[in-house]
Amino acid sequence: MPPRPPFNPQILLKKPTRPDPWARAETWRYTGPFTRWNRFKGAFPGLGIATVAFAAYCTWEAVFMKKDEHLGGT
């Protein structure tokens, strides 16, 4: 058996590439309700409400509470 030539990636780069036969079948994964933004929106369902509530509490504490009433207390 003759020895195999060493692997040369430049040979692979010179060969013409064929189009992906499954590309058309896979496009539904990235359109409509499955876009990147829509997938990200659903990842943290309560984050928006929690952020607004926390900001409101911090504002209330800073404006209306005396220094001794803060939760930290020092």
N, C-alpha and C. Protein backbone atom coordinates (compact mmCIF):
# COMPACT_ATOMS: atom_id res chain seq x y z
N MET A 1 0.85 -1.17 0.00
CA MET A 1 0.00 0.00 0.00
C MET A 1 0.90 1.24 0.00
N PRO A 2 0.69 2.17 -0.95
CA PRO A 2 1.55 3.36 -1.00
C PRO A 2 1.21 4.32 0.15
N PRO A 3 2.17 5.08 0.60
CA PRO A 3 1.90 6.03 1.71
C PRO A 3 0.96 7.14 1.24
N ARG A 4 0.12 7.58 2.18
CA ARG A 4 -0.82 8.67 1.87
C ARG A 4 -0.10 10.00 1.88
N PRO A 5 -0.45 10.92 0.99
CA PRO A 5 0.17 12.24 1.03
C PRO A 5 -0.33 13.00 2.26
N PRO A 6 0.44 13.94 2.76
CA PRO A 6 -0.01 14.70 3.93
C PRO A 6 -1.24 15.55 3.59
N PHE A 7 -2.01 15.84 4.61
CA PHE A 7 -3.23 16.64 4.43
C PHE A 7 -2.86 18.07 4.08
N ASN A 8 -3.45 18.58 3.02
CA ASN A 8 -3.19 19.95 2.58
C ASN A 8 -4.52 20.68 2.46
N PRO A 9 -4.83 21.62 3.37
CA PRO A 9 -6.12 22.31 3.32
C PRO A 9 -6.24 23.24 2.11
N GLN A 10 -5.14 23.64 1.51
CA GLN A 10 -5.22 24.52 0.34
C GLN A 10 -5.90 23.82 -0.84
N ILE A 11 -5.77 22.52 -0.93
CA ILE A 11 -6.43 21.77 -1.99
C ILE A 11 -7.95 21.87 -1.83
N LEU A 12 -8.42 21.80 -0.60
CA LEU A 12 -9.86 21.90 -0.35
C LEU A 12 -10.38 23.29 -0.69
N LEU A 13 -9.59 24.33 -0.46
CA LEU A 13 -10.03 25.68 -0.76
C LEU A 13 -10.13 25.93 -2.26
N LYS A 14 -9.38 25.22 -3.06
CA LYS A 14 -9.40 25.41 -4.50
C LYS A 14 -10.58 24.72 -5.17
N LYS A 15 -11.16 23.70 -4.52
CA LYS A 15 -12.28 22.97 -5.10
C LYS A 15 -13.54 23.84 -5.06
N PRO A 16 -14.35 23.80 -6.12
CA PRO A 16 -15.60 24.57 -6.09
C PRO A 16 -16.57 23.95 -5.08
N THR A 17 -17.31 24.80 -4.39
CA THR A 17 -18.26 24.31 -3.40
C THR A 17 -19.65 24.22 -4.02
N ARG A 18 -20.39 23.24 -3.60
CA ARG A 18 -21.76 23.08 -4.06
C ARG A 18 -22.69 23.78 -3.08
N PRO A 19 -23.84 24.26 -3.54
CA PRO A 19 -24.79 24.88 -2.60
C PRO A 19 -25.35 23.84 -1.63
N ASP A 20 -25.71 24.31 -0.47
CA ASP A 20 -26.26 23.43 0.56
C ASP A 20 -27.64 22.95 0.13
N PRO A 21 -27.87 21.65 0.01
CA PRO A 21 -29.18 21.16 -0.43
C PRO A 21 -30.27 21.36 0.63
N TRP A 22 -29.89 21.54 1.88
CA TRP A 22 -30.87 21.71 2.95
C TRP A 22 -31.10 23.16 3.31
N ALA A 23 -30.46 24.10 2.65
CA ALA A 23 -30.57 25.52 3.03
C ALA A 23 -32.02 26.00 2.97
N ARG A 24 -32.73 25.65 1.92
CA ARG A 24 -34.12 26.11 1.79
C ARG A 24 -35.00 25.50 2.89
N ALA A 25 -34.74 24.27 3.25
CA ALA A 25 -35.54 23.61 4.28
C ALA A 25 -35.24 24.15 5.67
N GLU A 26 -34.09 24.76 5.87
CA GLU A 26 -33.70 25.26 7.19
C GLU A 26 -34.04 26.73 7.41
N THR A 27 -34.49 27.45 6.38
CA THR A 27 -34.72 28.89 6.53
C THR A 27 -35.84 29.21 7.50
N TRP A 28 -36.80 28.32 7.70
CA TRP A 28 -37.90 28.61 8.62
C TRP A 28 -37.40 28.83 10.04
N ARG A 29 -36.24 28.27 10.37
CA ARG A 29 -35.72 28.40 11.73
C ARG A 29 -35.30 29.82 12.08
N TYR A 30 -35.08 30.66 11.08
CA TYR A 30 -34.55 32.00 11.32
C TYR A 30 -35.48 33.08 10.79
N THR A 31 -36.74 32.78 10.55
CA THR A 31 -37.69 33.76 10.06
C THR A 31 -38.93 33.75 10.94
N GLY A 32 -39.72 34.80 10.83
CA GLY A 32 -40.99 34.88 11.56
C GLY A 32 -40.79 34.88 13.06
N PRO A 33 -41.50 34.01 13.77
CA PRO A 33 -41.40 34.00 15.23
C PRO A 33 -40.09 33.41 15.75
N PHE A 34 -39.26 32.89 14.86
CA PHE A 34 -38.02 32.26 15.28
C PHE A 34 -36.80 33.12 14.99
N THR A 35 -36.99 34.43 14.76
CA THR A 35 -35.84 35.30 14.52
C THR A 35 -35.03 35.41 15.81
N ARG A 36 -33.82 35.89 15.68
CA ARG A 36 -32.94 36.02 16.85
C ARG A 36 -33.56 36.93 17.90
N TRP A 37 -34.17 38.04 17.48
CA TRP A 37 -34.77 38.98 18.44
C TRP A 37 -35.95 38.34 19.16
N ASN A 38 -36.80 37.64 18.45
CA ASN A 38 -37.95 37.01 19.09
C ASN A 38 -37.53 35.90 20.05
N ARG A 39 -36.49 35.17 19.71
CA ARG A 39 -36.00 34.14 20.63
C ARG A 39 -35.40 34.79 21.88
N PHE A 40 -34.72 35.92 21.74
CA PHE A 40 -34.12 36.60 22.88
C PHE A 40 -35.18 37.23 23.77
N LYS A 41 -36.24 37.76 23.15
CA LYS A 41 -37.31 38.39 23.93
C LYS A 41 -37.93 37.43 24.91
N GLY A 42 -38.14 36.20 24.50
CA GLY A 42 -38.78 35.23 25.36
C GLY A 42 -37.87 34.58 26.38
N ALA A 43 -36.58 34.90 26.35
CA ALA A 43 -35.63 34.24 27.25
C ALA A 43 -35.77 34.72 28.70
N PHE A 44 -36.13 35.98 28.90
CA PHE A 44 -36.25 36.56 30.24
C PHE A 44 -37.62 37.19 30.39
N PRO A 45 -38.65 36.41 30.69
CA PRO A 45 -40.02 36.93 30.64
C PRO A 45 -40.34 38.03 31.64
N GLY A 46 -39.77 38.06 32.83
CA GLY A 46 -40.13 39.07 33.82
C GLY A 46 -39.08 40.13 34.04
N LEU A 47 -38.06 40.14 33.21
CA LEU A 47 -36.94 41.06 33.44
C LEU A 47 -37.35 42.52 33.30
N GLY A 48 -38.18 42.86 32.35
CA GLY A 48 -38.59 44.26 32.14
C GLY A 48 -39.37 44.80 33.32
N ILE A 49 -40.36 44.05 33.79
CA ILE A 49 -41.17 44.48 34.93
C ILE A 49 -40.33 44.55 36.19
N ALA A 50 -39.46 43.60 36.39
CA ALA A 50 -38.61 43.60 37.59
C ALA A 50 -37.65 44.78 37.58
N THR A 51 -37.12 45.14 36.43
CA THR A 51 -36.20 46.27 36.34
C THR A 51 -36.91 47.57 36.67
N VAL A 52 -38.11 47.76 36.14
CA VAL A 52 -38.88 48.97 36.43
C VAL A 52 -39.26 49.03 37.90
N ALA A 53 -39.68 47.92 38.48
CA ALA A 53 -40.06 47.90 39.89
C ALA A 53 -38.85 48.20 40.78
N PHE A 54 -37.70 47.65 40.46
CA PHE A 54 -36.50 47.90 41.26
C PHE A 54 -36.07 49.36 41.15
N ALA A 55 -36.13 49.93 39.95
CA ALA A 55 -35.77 51.34 39.77
C ALA A 55 -36.73 52.24 40.54
N ALA A 56 -38.02 51.91 40.53
CA ALA A 56 -39.00 52.70 41.27
C ALA A 56 -38.72 52.61 42.78
N TYR A 57 -38.40 51.43 43.28
CA TYR A 57 -38.10 51.28 44.70
C TYR A 57 -36.84 52.07 45.08
N CYS A 58 -35.81 52.00 44.25
CA CYS A 58 -34.58 52.75 44.55
C CYS A 58 -34.83 54.25 44.55
N THR A 59 -35.65 54.72 43.62
CA THR A 59 -36.00 56.14 43.58
C THR A 59 -36.79 56.54 44.81
N TRP A 60 -37.78 55.73 45.19
CA TRP A 60 -38.58 55.99 46.39
C TRP A 60 -37.68 56.05 47.63
N GLU A 61 -36.78 55.11 47.74
CA GLU A 61 -35.90 55.06 48.90
C GLU A 61 -34.98 56.27 48.95
N ALA A 62 -34.45 56.68 47.82
CA ALA A 62 -33.52 57.81 47.79
C ALA A 62 -34.23 59.14 48.05
N VAL A 63 -35.47 59.28 47.60
CA VAL A 63 -36.15 60.58 47.71
C VAL A 63 -36.93 60.71 49.00
N PHE A 64 -37.67 59.70 49.41
CA PHE A 64 -38.63 59.85 50.50
C PHE A 64 -38.21 59.26 51.84
N MET A 65 -37.27 58.39 51.92
CA MET A 65 -36.90 57.78 53.19
C MET A 65 -35.77 58.57 53.85
N LYS A 66 -35.83 58.65 55.17
CA LYS A 66 -34.76 59.31 55.91
C LYS A 66 -33.52 58.42 55.92
N LYS A 67 -32.42 58.97 56.33
CA LYS A 67 -31.17 58.22 56.33
C LYS A 67 -31.25 56.99 57.24
N ASP A 68 -31.92 57.08 58.38
CA ASP A 68 -32.00 55.96 59.32
C ASP A 68 -32.98 54.87 58.88
N GLU A 69 -33.88 55.15 57.95
CA GLU A 69 -34.88 54.18 57.54
C GLU A 69 -34.40 53.28 56.40
N HIS A 70 -33.27 53.59 55.82
CA HIS A 70 -32.79 52.78 54.70
C HIS A 70 -32.51 51.36 55.19
N LEU A 71 -32.61 50.41 54.31
CA LEU A 71 -32.43 49.01 54.68
C LEU A 71 -31.01 48.73 55.15
N GLY A 72 -30.02 49.44 54.60
CA GLY A 72 -28.66 49.25 55.04
C GLY A 72 -28.47 49.73 56.47
N GLY A 73 -29.09 50.82 56.83
CA GLY A 73 -29.18 51.28 58.21
C GLY A 73 -27.95 51.94 58.81
N THR A 74 -26.82 52.05 58.17
CA THR A 74 -25.66 52.63 58.82
C THR A 74 -25.60 54.11 58.64
